[in-house]
PDB file of N, CA and C in Angstrom:
ATOM      1  N   ILE A   1     -11.858  -2.526  20.605  1.00  0.00           N
ATOM      2  CA  ILE A   1     -11.135  -2.150  19.402  1.00  0.00           C
ATOM      3  C   ILE A   1     -12.063  -1.396  18.437  1.00  0.00           C
ATOM      4  N   ARG A   2     -13.300  -1.855  18.298  1.00  0.00           N
ATOM      5  CA  ARG A   2     -14.240  -1.208  17.373  1.00  0.00           C
ATOM      6  C   ARG A   2     -14.416   0.279  17.683  1.00  0.00           C
ATOM      7  N   TYR A   3     -14.523   0.576  18.959  1.00  0.00           N
ATOM      8  CA  TYR A   3     -14.710   1.969  19.366  1.00  0.00           C
ATOM      9  C   TYR A   3     -13.496   2.810  18.969  1.00  0.00           C
ATOM     10  N   LEU A   4     -12.309   2.279  19.169  1.00  0.00           N
ATOM     11  CA  LEU A   4     -11.083   3.004  18.824  1.00  0.00           C
ATOM     12  C   LEU A   4     -10.988   3.234  17.316  1.00  0.00           C
ATOM     13  N   ILE A   5     -11.393   2.245  16.555  1.00  0.00           N
ATOM     14  CA  ILE A   5     -11.364   2.359  15.101  1.00  0.00           C
ATOM     15  C   ILE A   5     -12.300   3.474  14.639  1.00  0.00           C
ATOM     16  N   GLU A   6     -13.451   3.581  15.279  1.00  0.00           N
ATOM     17  CA  GLU A   6     -14.381   4.661  14.946  1.00  0.00           C
ATOM     18  C   GLU A   6     -13.774   6.019  15.274  1.00  0.00           C
ATOM     19  N   ILE A   7     -13.061   6.096  16.370  1.00  0.00           N
ATOM     20  CA  ILE A   7     -12.441   7.362  16.780  1.00  0.00           C
ATOM     21  C   ILE A   7     -11.352   7.783  15.789  1.00  0.00           C
ATOM     22  N   LEU A   8     -10.726   6.828  15.129  1.00  0.00           N
ATOM     23  CA  LEU A   8      -9.709   7.169  14.127  1.00  0.00           C
ATOM     24  C   LEU A   8     -10.288   8.007  12.985  1.00  0.00           C
ATOM     25  N   LYS A   9     -11.605   7.992  12.843  1.00  0.00           N
ATOM     26  CA  LYS A   9     -12.274   8.752  11.785  1.00  0.00           C
ATOM     27  C   LYS A   9     -12.788  10.103  12.294  1.00  0.00           C
ATOM     28  N   ASP A  10     -12.584  10.388  13.571  1.00  0.00           N
ATOM     29  CA  ASP A  10     -13.088  11.613  14.181  1.00  0.00           C
ATOM     30  C   ASP A  10     -12.414  12.847  13.577  1.00  0.00           C
ATOM     31  N   GLU A  11     -13.140  13.957  13.528  1.00  0.00           N
ATOM     32  CA  GLU A  11     -12.567  15.205  13.017  1.00  0.00           C
ATOM     33  C   GLU A  11     -11.524  15.794  13.965  1.00  0.00           C
ATOM     34  N   ASN A  12     -11.653  15.501  15.240  1.00  0.00           N
ATOM     35  CA  ASN A  12     -10.757  16.052  16.255  1.00  0.00           C
ATOM     36  C   ASN A  12      -9.437  15.282  16.262  1.00  0.00           C
ATOM     37  N   GLU A  13      -8.344  15.980  15.966  1.00  0.00           N
ATOM     38  CA  GLU A  13      -7.046  15.306  15.905  1.00  0.00           C
ATOM     39  C   GLU A  13      -6.609  14.745  17.265  1.00  0.00           C
ATOM     40  N   ASN A  14      -7.007  15.398  18.343  1.00  0.00           N
ATOM     41  CA  ASN A  14      -6.645  14.873  19.660  1.00  0.00           C
ATOM     42  C   ASN A  14      -7.337  13.540  19.938  1.00  0.00           C
ATOM     43  N   ALA A  15      -8.566  13.408  19.469  1.00  0.00           N
ATOM     44  CA  ALA A  15      -9.285  12.138  19.616  1.00  0.00           C
ATOM     45  C   ALA A  15      -8.585  11.052  18.803  1.00  0.00           C
ATOM     46  N   ARG A  16      -8.199  11.388  17.554  1.00  0.00           N
ATOM     47  CA  ARG A  16      -7.498  10.416  16.710  1.00  0.00           C
ATOM     48  C   ARG A  16      -6.153  10.044  17.326  1.00  0.00           C
ATOM     49  N   ARG A  17      -5.470  11.021  17.898  1.00  0.00           N
ATOM     50  CA  ARG A  17      -4.181  10.749  18.550  1.00  0.00           C
ATOM     51  C   ARG A  17      -4.362   9.769  19.715  1.00  0.00           C
ATOM     52  N   ALA A  18      -5.376   9.997  20.516  1.00  0.00           N
ATOM     53  CA  ALA A  18      -5.626   9.111  21.656  1.00  0.00           C
ATOM     54  C   ALA A  18      -5.941   7.694  21.185  1.00  0.00           C
ATOM     55  N   ALA A  19      -6.763   7.595  20.154  1.00  0.00           N
ATOM     56  CA  ALA A  19      -7.141   6.270  19.646  1.00  0.00           C
ATOM     57  C   ALA A  19      -5.943   5.513  19.090  1.00  0.00           C
ATOM     58  N   VAL A  20      -5.121   6.195  18.303  1.00  0.00           N
ATOM     59  CA  VAL A  20      -3.967   5.509  17.708  1.00  0.00           C
ATOM     60  C   VAL A  20      -2.947   5.145  18.788  1.00  0.00           C
ATOM     61  N   GLU A  21      -2.868   5.945  19.826  1.00  0.00           N
ATOM     62  CA  GLU A  21      -1.946   5.633  20.935  1.00  0.00           C
ATOM     63  C   GLU A  21      -2.377   4.349  21.634  1.00  0.00           C
ATOM     64  N   VAL A  22      -3.667   4.215  21.899  1.00  0.00           N
ATOM     65  CA  VAL A  22      -4.163   2.997  22.544  1.00  0.00           C
ATOM     66  C   VAL A  22      -3.949   1.799  21.625  1.00  0.00           C
ATOM     67  N   LEU A  23      -4.248   1.958  20.337  1.00  0.00           N
ATOM     68  CA  LEU A  23      -4.026   0.860  19.386  1.00  0.00           C
ATOM     69  C   LEU A  23      -2.547   0.483  19.325  1.00  0.00           C
ATOM     70  N   ASN A  24      -1.687   1.460  19.472  1.00  0.00           N
ATOM     71  CA  ASN A  24      -0.243   1.197  19.500  1.00  0.00           C
ATOM     72  C   ASN A  24       0.121   0.346  20.712  1.00  0.00           C
ATOM     73  N   GLU A  25      -0.462   0.664  21.836  1.00  0.00           N
ATOM     74  CA  GLU A  25      -0.179  -0.088  23.058  1.00  0.00           C
ATOM     75  C   GLU A  25      -0.756  -1.496  23.011  1.00  0.00           C
ATOM     76  N   VAL A  26      -1.947  -1.629  22.448  1.00  0.00           N
ATOM     77  CA  VAL A  26      -2.625  -2.923  22.392  1.00  0.00           C
ATOM     78  C   VAL A  26      -1.955  -3.853  21.389  1.00  0.00           C
ATOM     79  N   GLY A  27      -1.585  -3.307  20.223  1.00  0.00           N
ATOM     80  CA  GLY A  27      -0.910  -4.111  19.211  1.00  0.00           C
ATOM     81  C   GLY A  27      -1.743  -5.266  18.664  1.00  0.00           C
ATOM     82  N   ASN A  28      -3.023  -5.023  18.418  1.00  0.00           N
ATOM     83  CA  ASN A  28      -3.927  -6.063  17.960  1.00  0.00           C
ATOM     84  C   ASN A  28      -3.934  -6.152  16.440  1.00  0.00           C
ATOM     85  N   ALA A  29      -3.746  -7.364  15.899  1.00  0.00           N
ATOM     86  CA  ALA A  29      -3.711  -7.568  14.452  1.00  0.00           C
ATOM     87  C   ALA A  29      -5.020  -7.193  13.774  1.00  0.00           C
ATOM     88  N   LYS A  30      -6.119  -7.176  14.511  1.00  0.00           N
ATOM     89  CA  LYS A  30      -7.412  -6.794  13.931  1.00  0.00           C
ATOM     90  C   LYS A  30      -7.444  -5.325  13.511  1.00  0.00           C
ATOM     91  N   SER A  31      -6.521  -4.541  14.018  1.00  0.00           N
ATOM     92  CA  SER A  31      -6.514  -3.111  13.716  1.00  0.00           C
ATOM     93  C   SER A  31      -5.617  -2.751  12.531  1.00  0.00           C
ATOM     94  N   VAL A  32      -4.965  -3.724  11.913  1.00  0.00           N
ATOM     95  CA  VAL A  32      -4.002  -3.447  10.842  1.00  0.00           C
ATOM     96  C   VAL A  32      -4.609  -2.609   9.724  1.00  0.00           C
ATOM     97  N   LYS A  33      -5.758  -3.015   9.220  1.00  0.00           N
ATOM     98  CA  LYS A  33      -6.401  -2.297   8.111  1.00  0.00           C
ATOM     99  C   LYS A  33      -6.584  -0.816   8.459  1.00  0.00           C
ATOM    100  N   TYR A  34      -6.987  -0.545   9.678  1.00  0.00           N
ATOM    101  CA  TYR A  34      -7.290   0.817  10.096  1.00  0.00           C
ATOM    102  C   TYR A  34      -6.017   1.615  10.396  1.00  0.00           C
ATOM    103  N   LEU A  35      -5.006   0.923  10.883  1.00  0.00           N
ATOM    104  CA  LEU A  35      -3.723   1.588  11.109  1.00  0.00           C
ATOM    105  C   LEU A  35      -3.075   1.954   9.778  1.00  0.00           C
ATOM    106  N   LEU A  36      -3.252   1.109   8.777  1.00  0.00           N
ATOM    107  CA  LEU A  36      -2.743   1.445   7.443  1.00  0.00           C
ATOM    108  C   LEU A  36      -3.439   2.700   6.913  1.00  0.00           C
ATOM    109  N   GLU A  37      -4.719   2.810   7.154  1.00  0.00           N
ATOM    110  CA  GLU A  37      -5.450   4.020   6.770  1.00  0.00           C
ATOM    111  C   GLU A  37      -4.953   5.232   7.557  1.00  0.00           C
ATOM    112  N   ALA A  38      -4.619   5.009   8.829  1.00  0.00           N
ATOM    113  CA  ALA A  38      -4.145   6.110   9.677  1.00  0.00           C
ATOM    114  C   ALA A  38      -2.804   6.666   9.190  1.00  0.00           C
ATOM    115  N   LEU A  39      -2.073   5.888   8.397  1.00  0.00           N
ATOM    116  CA  LEU A  39      -0.825   6.402   7.819  1.00  0.00           C
ATOM    117  C   LEU A  39      -1.091   7.566   6.862  1.00  0.00           C
ATOM    118  N   LYS A  40      -2.335   7.711   6.441  1.00  0.00           N
ATOM    119  CA  LYS A  40      -2.712   8.786   5.517  1.00  0.00           C
ATOM    120  C   LYS A  40      -3.380   9.959   6.245  1.00  0.00           C
ATOM    121  N   ASP A  41      -3.405   9.901   7.579  1.00  0.00           N
ATOM    122  CA  ASP A  41      -4.042  10.950   8.374  1.00  0.00           C
ATOM    123  C   ASP A  41      -3.363  12.299   8.115  1.00  0.00           C
ATOM    124  N   SER A  42      -4.105  13.372   8.252  1.00  0.00           N
ATOM    125  CA  SER A  42      -3.544  14.711   8.063  1.00  0.00           C
ATOM    126  C   SER A  42      -2.583  15.102   9.184  1.00  0.00           C
ATOM    127  N   ASP A  43      -2.682  14.448  10.315  1.00  0.00           N
ATOM    128  CA  ASP A  43      -1.849  14.772  11.476  1.00  0.00           C
ATOM    129  C   ASP A  43      -0.598  13.898  11.508  1.00  0.00           C
ATOM    130  N   TRP A  44       0.569  14.527  11.545  1.00  0.00           N
ATOM    131  CA  TRP A  44       1.832  13.783  11.512  1.00  0.00           C
ATOM    132  C   TRP A  44       1.959  12.827  12.689  1.00  0.00           C
ATOM    133  N   TRP A  45       1.453  13.221  13.855  1.00  0.00           N
ATOM    134  CA  TRP A  45       1.593  12.394  15.050  1.00  0.00           C
ATOM    135  C   TRP A  45       0.794  11.109  14.917  1.00  0.00           C
ATOM    136  N   VAL A  46      -0.406  11.216  14.373  1.00  0.00           N
ATOM    137  CA  VAL A  46      -1.234  10.031  14.142  1.00  0.00           C
ATOM    138  C   VAL A  46      -0.514   9.096  13.170  1.00  0.00           C
ATOM    139  N   ARG A  47       0.044   9.656  12.091  1.00  0.00           N
ATOM    140  CA  ARG A  47       0.777   8.832  11.113  1.00  0.00           C
ATOM    141  C   ARG A  47       1.965   8.127  11.762  1.00  0.00           C
ATOM    142  N   SER A  48       2.705   8.852  12.570  1.00  0.00           N
ATOM    143  CA  SER A  48       3.889   8.295  13.211  1.00  0.00           C
ATOM    144  C   SER A  48       3.545   7.156  14.170  1.00  0.00           C
ATOM    145  N   ARG A  49       2.527   7.369  14.983  1.00  0.00           N
ATOM    146  CA  ARG A  49       2.138   6.332  15.957  1.00  0.00           C
ATOM    147  C   ARG A  49       1.513   5.128  15.267  1.00  0.00           C
ATOM    148  N   ALA A  50       0.813   5.361  14.153  1.00  0.00           N
ATOM    149  CA  ALA A  50       0.260   4.248  13.375  1.00  0.00           C
ATOM    150  C   ALA A  50       1.409   3.402  12.821  1.00  0.00           C
ATOM    151  N   ALA A  51       2.457   4.054  12.351  1.00  0.00           N
ATOM    152  CA  ALA A  51       3.631   3.336  11.844  1.00  0.00           C
ATOM    153  C   ALA A  51       4.269   2.512  12.962  1.00  0.00           C
ATOM    154  N   ASP A  52       4.386   3.096  14.147  1.00  0.00           N
ATOM    155  CA  ASP A  52       4.945   2.364  15.289  1.00  0.00           C
ATOM    156  C   ASP A  52       4.111   1.126  15.598  1.00  0.00           C
ATOM    157  N   ALA A  53       2.800   1.300  15.624  1.00  0.00           N
ATOM    158  CA  ALA A  53       1.899   0.187  15.940  1.00  0.00           C
ATOM    159  C   ALA A  53       2.024  -0.922  14.901  1.00  0.00           C
ATOM    160  N   LEU A  54       2.058  -0.556  13.630  1.00  0.00           N
ATOM    161  CA  LEU A  54       2.188  -1.562  12.570  1.00  0.00           C
ATOM    162  C   LEU A  54       3.511  -2.294  12.674  1.00  0.00           C
ATOM    163  N   GLY A  55       4.561  -1.564  13.010  1.00  0.00           N
ATOM    164  CA  GLY A  55       5.869  -2.205  13.188  1.00  0.00           C
ATOM    165  C   GLY A  55       5.854  -3.218  14.318  1.00  0.00           C
ATOM    166  N   LYS A  56       5.135  -2.908  15.379  1.00  0.00           N
ATOM    167  CA  LYS A  56       5.026  -3.834  16.514  1.00  0.00           C
ATOM    168  C   LYS A  56       4.204  -5.067  16.161  1.00  0.00           C
ATOM    169  N   ILE A  57       3.121  -4.847  15.408  1.00  0.00           N
ATOM    170  CA  ILE A  57       2.243  -5.956  15.043  1.00  0.00           C
ATOM    171  C   ILE A  57       2.944  -6.881  14.055  1.00  0.00           C
ATOM    172  N   GLY A  58       3.556  -6.289  13.036  1.00  0.00           N
ATOM    173  CA  GLY A  58       4.301  -7.061  12.042  1.00  0.00           C
ATOM    174  C   GLY A  58       3.457  -8.108  11.340  1.00  0.00           C
ATOM    175  N   GLY A  59       4.122  -9.101  10.815  1.00  0.00           N
ATOM    176  CA  GLY A  59       3.430 -10.190  10.142  1.00  0.00           C
ATOM    177  C   GLY A  59       3.325  -9.968   8.646  1.00  0.00           C
ATOM    178  N   PRO A  60       3.024 -11.023   7.917  1.00  0.00           N
ATOM    179  CA  PRO A  60       2.982 -10.959   6.456  1.00  0.00           C
ATOM    180  C   PRO A  60       1.993  -9.933   5.904  1.00  0.00           C
ATOM    181  N   ARG A  61       0.859  -9.805   6.525  1.00  0.00           N
ATOM    182  CA  ARG A  61      -0.154  -8.856   6.045  1.00  0.00           C
ATOM    183  C   ARG A  61       0.362  -7.420   6.125  1.00  0.00           C
ATOM    184  N   VAL A  62       1.005  -7.097   7.223  1.00  0.00           N
ATOM    185  CA  VAL A  62       1.558  -5.751   7.387  1.00  0.00           C
ATOM    186  C   VAL A  62       2.676  -5.527   6.379  1.00  0.00           C
ATOM    187  N   ILE A  63       3.573  -6.481   6.263  1.00  0.00           N
ATOM    188  CA  ILE A  63       4.717  -6.329   5.358  1.00  0.00           C
ATOM    189  C   ILE A  63       4.249  -6.139   3.917  1.00  0.00           C
ATOM    190  N   GLU A  64       3.309  -6.964   3.469  1.00  0.00           N
ATOM    191  CA  GLU A  64       2.800  -6.853   2.100  1.00  0.00           C
ATOM    192  C   GLU A  64       2.252  -5.455   1.827  1.00  0.00           C
ATOM    193  N   ALA A  65       1.462  -4.943   2.735  1.00  0.00           N
ATOM    194  CA  ALA A  65       0.867  -3.617   2.550  1.00  0.00           C
ATOM    195  C   ALA A  65       1.929  -2.528   2.598  1.00  0.00           C
ATOM    196  N   VAL A  66       2.842  -2.650   3.522  1.00  0.00           N
ATOM    197  CA  VAL A  66       3.859  -1.613   3.702  1.00  0.00           C
ATOM    198  C   VAL A  66       4.854  -1.599   2.543  1.00  0.00           C
ATOM    199  N   LEU A  67       5.139  -2.744   1.980  1.00  0.00           N
ATOM    200  CA  LEU A  67       6.034  -2.788   0.822  1.00  0.00           C
ATOM    201  C   LEU A  67       5.487  -1.937  -0.317  1.00  0.00           C
ATOM    202  N   GLN A  68       4.182  -1.894  -0.455  1.00  0.00           N
ATOM    203  CA  GLN A  68       3.555  -1.066  -1.488  1.00  0.00           C
ATOM    204  C   GLN A  68       3.660   0.423  -1.149  1.00  0.00           C
ATOM    205  N   LEU A  69       3.641   0.732   0.143  1.00  0.00           N
ATOM    206  CA  LEU A  69       3.671   2.131   0.570  1.00  0.00           C
ATOM    207  C   LEU A  69       5.028   2.790   0.379  1.00  0.00           C
ATOM    208  N   VAL A  70       6.090   2.007   0.238  1.00  0.00           N
ATOM    209  CA  VAL A  70       7.429   2.566   0.031  1.00  0.00           C
ATOM    210  C   VAL A  70       7.470   3.377  -1.266  1.00  0.00           C
ATOM    211  N   ARG A  71       6.588   3.062  -2.200  1.00  0.00           N
ATOM    212  CA  ARG A  71       6.545   3.771  -3.485  1.00  0.00           C
ATOM    213  C   ARG A  71       5.400   4.790  -3.551  1.00  0.00           C
ATOM    214  N   ASP A  72       4.792   5.099  -2.411  1.00  0.00           N
ATOM    215  CA  ASP A  72       3.690   6.059  -2.382  1.00  0.00           C
ATOM    216  C   ASP A  72       4.175   7.432  -2.840  1.00  0.00           C
ATOM    217  N   LYS A  73       3.272   8.220  -3.429  1.00  0.00           N
ATOM    218  CA  LYS A  73       3.652   9.557  -3.898  1.00  0.00           C
ATOM    219  C   LYS A  73       3.886  10.540  -2.754  1.00  0.00           C
ATOM    220  N   ASP A  74       3.350  10.254  -1.584  1.00  0.00           N
ATOM    221  CA  ASP A  74       3.481  11.137  -0.422  1.00  0.00           C
ATOM    222  C   ASP A  74       4.755  10.815   0.359  1.00  0.00           C
ATOM    223  N   ASP A  75       5.591  11.827   0.551  1.00  0.00           N
ATOM    224  CA  ASP A  75       6.857  11.648   1.270  1.00  0.00           C
ATOM    225  C   ASP A  75       6.657  11.076   2.667  1.00  0.00           C
ATOM    226  N   ASP A  76       5.649  11.593   3.382  1.00  0.00           N
ATOM    227  CA  ASP A  76       5.425  11.146   4.754  1.00  0.00           C
ATOM    228  C   ASP A  76       5.009   9.681   4.806  1.00  0.00           C
ATOM    229  N   ILE A  77       4.213   9.252   3.835  1.00  0.00           N
ATOM    230  CA  ILE A  77       3.799   7.850   3.786  1.00  0.00           C
ATOM    231  C   ILE A  77       5.012   6.968   3.515  1.00  0.00           C
ATOM    232  N   ARG A  78       5.858   7.398   2.583  1.00  0.00           N
ATOM    233  CA  ARG A  78       7.075   6.615   2.290  1.00  0.00           C
ATOM    234  C   ARG A  78       7.966   6.522   3.521  1.00  0.00           C
ATOM    235  N   ARG A  79       8.121   7.623   4.218  1.00  0.00           N
ATOM    236  CA  ARG A  79       8.964   7.613   5.427  1.00  0.00           C
ATOM    237  C   ARG A  79       8.390   6.682   6.497  1.00  0.00           C
ATOM    238  N   ALA A  80       7.079   6.732   6.671  1.00  0.00           N
ATOM    239  CA  ALA A  80       6.434   5.851   7.649  1.00  0.00           C
ATOM    240  C   ALA A  80       6.647   4.393   7.258  1.00  0.00           C
ATOM    241  N   ALA A  81       6.506   4.099   5.974  1.00  0.00           N
ATOM    242  CA  ALA A  81       6.708   2.728   5.502  1.00  0.00           C
ATOM    243  C   ALA A  81       8.132   2.268   5.768  1.00  0.00           C
ATOM    244  N   ILE A  82       9.081   3.131   5.545  1.00  0.00           N
ATOM    245  CA  ILE A  82      10.487   2.787   5.792  1.00  0.00           C
ATOM    246  C   ILE A  82      10.722   2.534   7.276  1.00  0.00           C
ATOM    247  N   GLU A  83      10.102   3.343   8.128  1.00  0.00           N
ATOM    248  CA  GLU A  83      10.224   3.126   9.577  1.00  0.00           C
ATOM    249  C   GLU A  83       9.702   1.742   9.969  1.00  0.00           C
ATOM    250  N   ILE A  84       8.558   1.378   9.405  1.00  0.00           N
ATOM    251  CA  ILE A  84       7.962   0.074   9.721  1.00  0.00           C
ATOM    252  C   ILE A  84       8.880  -1.047   9.250  1.00  0.00           C
ATOM    253  N   LEU A  85       9.352  -0.939   8.014  1.00  0.00           N
ATOM    254  CA  LEU A  85      10.217  -1.991   7.468  1.00  0.00           C
ATOM    255  C   LEU A  85      11.523  -2.113   8.241  1.00  0.00           C
ATOM    256  N   ASN A  86      12.016  -0.993   8.754  1.00  0.00           N
ATOM    257  CA  ASN A  86      13.237  -1.031   9.567  1.00  0.00           C
ATOM    258  C   ASN A  86      13.050  -1.843  10.842  1.00  0.00           C
ATOM    259  N   GLN A  87      11.812  -1.940  11.322  1.00  0.00           N
ATOM    260  CA  GLN A  87      11.535  -2.672  12.556  1.00  0.00           C
ATOM    261  C   GLN A  87      11.351  -4.173  12.317  1.00  0.00           C
ATOM    262  N   THR A  88      11.237  -4.572  11.068  1.00  0.00           N
ATOM    263  CA  THR A  88      10.944  -5.973  10.771  1.00  0.00           C
ATOM    264  C   THR A  88      12.201  -6.772  10.523  1.00  0.00           C
ATOM    265  N   LYS A  89      12.056  -8.056  10.559  1.00  0.00           N
ATOM    266  CA  LYS A  89      13.157  -8.969  10.241  1.00  0.00           C
ATOM    267  C   LYS A  89      12.881  -9.669   8.904  1.00  0.00           C
ATOM    268  N   ASP A  90      11.920  -9.144   8.156  1.00  0.00           N
ATOM    269  CA  ASP A  90      11.491  -9.765   6.910  1.00  0.00           C
ATOM    270  C   ASP A  90      12.491  -9.454   5.797  1.00  0.00           C
ATOM    271  N   GLU A  91      12.948 -10.480   5.117  1.00  0.00           N
ATOM    272  CA  GLU A  91      13.941 -10.306   4.052  1.00  0.00           C
ATOM    273  C   GLU A  91      13.401  -9.499   2.879  1.00  0.00           C
ATOM    274  N   ARG A  92      12.094  -9.549   2.665  1.00  0.00           N
ATOM    275  CA  ARG A  92      11.503  -8.793   1.556  1.00  0.00           C
ATOM    276  C   ARG A  92      11.694  -7.294   1.746  1.00  0.00           C
ATOM    277  N   ALA A  93      11.889  -6.877   2.964  1.00  0.00           N
ATOM    278  CA  ALA A  93      12.042  -5.453   3.244  1.00  0.00           C
ATOM    279  C   ALA A  93      13.374  -4.910   2.726  1.00  0.00           C
ATOM    280  N   VAL A  94      14.369  -5.749   2.639  1.00  0.00           N
ATOM    281  CA  VAL A  94      15.715  -5.307   2.283  1.00  0.00           C
ATOM    282  C   VAL A  94      15.738  -4.594   0.933  1.00  0.00           C
ATOM    283  N   ASP A  95      15.167  -5.211  -0.102  1.00  0.00           N
ATOM    284  CA  ASP A  95      15.178  -4.593  -1.431  1.00  0.00           C
ATOM    285  C   ASP A  95      14.464  -3.249  -1.434  1.00  0.00           C
ATOM    286  N   SER A  96      13.341  -3.174  -0.739  1.00  0.00           N
ATOM    287  CA  SER A  96      12.599  -1.912  -0.678  1.00  0.00           C
ATOM    288  C   SER A  96      13.395  -0.843   0.062  1.00  0.00           C
ATOM    289  N   LEU A  97      14.065  -1.243   1.111  1.00  0.00           N
ATOM    290  CA  LEU A  97      14.866  -0.273   1.864  1.00  0.00           C
ATOM    291  C   LEU A  97      16.059   0.210   1.040  1.00  0.00           C
ATOM    292  N   ILE A  98      16.657  -0.685   0.284  1.00  0.00           N
ATOM    293  CA  ILE A  98      17.785  -0.288  -0.572  1.00  0.00           C
ATOM    294  C   ILE A  98      17.305   0.676  -1.646  1.00  0.00           C
ATOM    295  N   SER A  99      16.184   0.366  -2.271  1.00  0.00           N
ATOM    296  CA  SER A  99      15.673   1.268  -3.313  1.00  0.00           C
ATOM    297  C   SER A  99      15.274   2.617  -2.725  1.00  0.00           C
ATOM    298  N   ALA A 100      14.824   2.612  -1.489  1.00  0.00           N
ATOM    299  CA  ALA A 100      14.435   3.869  -0.840  1.00  0.00           C
ATOM    300  C   ALA A 100      15.644   4.776  -0.613  1.00  0.00           C
ATOM    301  N   THR A 101      16.823   4.200  -0.486  1.00  0.00           N
ATOM    302  CA  THR A 101      18.016   5.033  -0.297  1.00  0.00           C
ATOM    303  C   THR A 101      18.343   5.849  -1.533  1.00  0.00           C
ATOM    304  N   HIS A 102      17.799   5.446  -2.671  1.00  0.00           N
ATOM    305  CA  HIS A 102      18.018   6.168  -3.923  1.00  0.00           C
ATOM    306  C   HIS A 102      16.950   7.225  -4.180  1.00  0.00           C
ATOM    307  N   ASP A 103      15.985   7.323  -3.279  1.00  0.00           N
ATOM    308  CA  ASP A 103      14.900   8.292  -3.402  1.00  0.00           C
ATOM    309  C   ASP A 103      15.429   9.675  -3.010  1.00  0.00           C
ATOM    310  N   SER A 104      15.231  10.637  -3.842  1.00  0.00           N
ATOM    311  CA  SER A 104      15.755  11.988  -3.572  1.00  0.00           C
ATOM    312  C   SER A 104      15.023  12.683  -2.424  1.00  0.00           C
ATOM    313  N   ASP A 105      13.823  12.197  -2.078  1.00  0.00           N
ATOM    314  CA  ASP A 105      13.076  12.810  -0.970  1.00  0.00           C
ATOM    315  C   ASP A 105      13.436  12.127   0.311  1.00  0.00           C
TER     316      ASP A 105
END
């Protein structure tokens, strides 16, 4: 996992894509912090796969962090957060998802 986390910081987007794909498949809770950072990656594919991985991992730590991201200034981050919350069964997600429907973006 450590090696993959280091690759997430690589300048090469293909390397970051490969790393986030493996982390998505592994679904290890130890990678949550780094997957949350990957939601801010410049590459849309890395952001999307990071969101998928976080949705699979789930849990209170992921939900707490993602609930904050629903109000992020970046449209792509908000969309990724909504995707993650849609995958959860957490009741706290409902209010955030409802408020997101009122977002003009």
